Structures are given as C-alpha cells and as structure tokens.
C-alpha cells in the first residue's frame, strides 16, 4: 500500500506528533471487538460522509488490504445515499473507483 507523500513528509517533519497519532489510532482499533475488515469499511463510510477524497482513497486501499471485495466497498459507499444524497455518494464512488480501477490495471 502506497503512503501519500504528504503524510510521509508530515511524519518526517513532525515525528512525535505522527507517532502519537498512530498510537491513538492503534488504541482505538484495539479497543473493541470489530474485525479489521469491518473497521476498514466503517472508516470508509465515515470518510464518505465527510466528503474527504483523500480519506476515501486511503480507506479504500485499507479495506482491500483487510480483505474487502470491490463489491463490499461499493456497497458501503452506496449505503450513504439516503443520508448524504446522490451527488455526494456519486463523488465518493468515483474516488473509490480511482483505487479499484487502478488495482485492476
């Protein structure tokens, strides 16, 4: 999985802050019973609702790594339709497809 250049630079420039952020993330993930794939799909759903393109890209990659299928990723995003509306859902679907279609090339 490719780490975005911006995050790599952030880790280099602010290593202590990045380490604290990553430690908090690890603690949150370990705090409950959800498996890795479920957590990845939930984070994808949150990113979709927040309309964070970079996060949708990142969490699509993480969901694939955790064993989610392209169909499960797209379904997760489509679940947002009644809540965030068609234009926002379609945008997130296109962001996920940036990764899913790249994976198939």
Protein backbone atom coordinates (compact mmCIF):
# COMPACT_ATOMS: atom_id res chain seq x y z
CA UNK A 1 0.00 0.00 0.00
CA UNK A 2 1.37 3.36 -1.03
CA UNK A 3 1.63 6.02 1.68
CA UNK A 4 0.76 9.51 0.41
CA UNK A 5 3.75 11.82 0.05
CA UNK A 6 2.09 14.45 2.22
CA UNK A 7 1.77 12.02 5.15
CA UNK A 8 5.35 10.83 4.69
CA UNK A 9 6.52 14.45 4.87
CA UNK A 10 4.35 15.05 7.94
CA UNK A 11 5.92 12.02 9.65
CA UNK A 12 9.39 13.30 8.80
CA UNK A 13 8.73 16.89 9.87
CA UNK A 14 6.66 16.11 12.98
CA UNK A 15 7.71 12.60 14.02
CA UNK A 16 6.49 12.88 17.63
CA UNK A 17 3.05 14.13 16.61
CA UNK A 18 2.77 11.42 13.93
CA UNK A 19 3.80 8.74 16.44
CA UNK A 20 1.17 9.95 18.92
CA UNK A 21 -1.48 9.99 16.19
CA UNK A 22 -0.59 6.46 15.09
CA UNK A 23 -0.57 5.24 18.70
CA UNK A 24 -4.04 6.69 19.30
CA UNK A 25 -5.27 5.07 16.08
CA UNK A 26 -3.88 1.69 17.17
CA UNK A 27 -5.52 2.05 20.61
CA UNK A 28 -8.91 2.90 19.11
CA UNK A 29 -8.73 -0.10 16.79
CA UNK A 30 -7.78 -2.44 19.66
CA UNK A 31 -10.50 -1.10 22.00
CA UNK A 32 -13.37 -3.18 20.65
CA UNK A 33 -14.49 -6.42 19.08
CA UNK A 34 -14.76 -5.36 15.42
CA UNK A 35 -12.54 -7.22 12.98
CA UNK A 36 -10.11 -5.44 10.66
CA UNK A 37 -12.33 -5.59 7.56
CA UNK A 38 -15.37 -4.22 9.41
CA UNK A 39 -13.29 -1.39 10.90
CA UNK A 40 -11.91 -0.54 7.44
CA UNK A 41 -15.40 -0.40 5.92
CA UNK A 42 -16.68 1.78 8.77
CA UNK A 43 -13.79 4.20 8.28
CA UNK A 44 -14.57 4.23 4.56
CA UNK A 45 -18.19 5.08 5.38
CA UNK A 46 -17.12 7.90 7.71
CA UNK A 47 -14.79 9.29 5.03
CA UNK A 48 -17.62 9.11 2.51
CA UNK A 49 -19.98 11.05 4.75
CA UNK A 50 -17.32 13.66 5.49
CA UNK A 51 -16.57 14.01 1.75
CA UNK A 52 -12.84 13.57 2.28
CA UNK A 53 -11.48 12.43 -1.09
CA UNK A 54 -8.03 11.53 0.22
CA UNK A 55 -9.53 9.54 3.08
CA UNK A 56 -11.83 7.64 0.71
CA UNK A 57 -8.77 6.76 -1.37
CA UNK A 58 -6.82 5.70 1.74
CA UNK A 59 -9.64 3.71 3.32
CA UNK A 60 -10.46 2.01 0.03
CA UNK A 61 -6.83 0.79 -0.06
CA UNK A 62 -7.02 -0.28 3.59
CA UNK A 63 -10.33 -2.09 3.05
CA UNK A 64 -8.83 -4.02 0.12
CA UNK A 65 -5.82 -4.91 2.26
CA UNK A 66 -8.18 -6.10 5.02
CA UNK A 67 -9.90 -8.46 2.56
CA UNK A 68 -12.91 -6.43 1.44
CA UNK A 69 -14.06 -7.01 -2.11
CA UNK A 70 -14.73 -4.24 -4.61
CA UNK A 71 -18.42 -5.11 -4.29
CA UNK A 72 -18.31 -4.65 -0.48
CA UNK A 73 -16.51 -1.32 -0.85
CA UNK A 74 -19.01 -0.02 -3.38
CA UNK A 75 -21.93 -1.25 -1.27
CA UNK A 76 -20.52 0.54 1.80
CA UNK A 77 -20.44 3.77 -0.17
CA UNK A 78 -23.90 3.23 -1.69
CA UNK A 79 -25.29 2.81 1.84
CA UNK A 80 -24.65 6.53 2.31
CA UNK A 81 -27.12 7.51 -0.46
CA UNK A 82 -30.24 8.07 1.70
CA UNK A 83 -28.24 10.10 4.22
CA UNK A 84 -25.85 12.26 2.18
CA UNK A 85 -27.62 12.35 -1.19
CA UNK A 86 -26.84 11.26 -4.73
CA UNK A 87 -24.17 13.84 -5.68
CA UNK A 88 -22.07 13.20 -2.56
CA UNK A 89 -22.43 9.43 -2.84
CA UNK A 90 -21.50 9.53 -6.53
CA UNK A 91 -18.40 11.59 -5.76
CA UNK A 92 -17.26 9.06 -3.14
CA UNK A 93 -17.98 6.19 -5.51
CA UNK A 94 -15.78 7.81 -8.15
CA UNK A 95 -12.98 8.30 -5.57
CA UNK A 96 -13.14 4.62 -4.61
CA UNK A 97 -13.12 3.69 -8.29
CA UNK A 98 -9.88 5.68 -8.68
CA UNK A 99 -8.30 2.98 -6.49
CA UNK A 100 -10.37 -0.03 -7.57
CA UNK A 101 -9.82 0.58 -11.28
CA UNK A 102 -6.12 1.29 -10.74
CA UNK A 103 -5.85 -2.06 -8.92
CA UNK A 104 -7.20 -3.85 -11.99
CA UNK A 105 -4.69 -2.26 -14.42
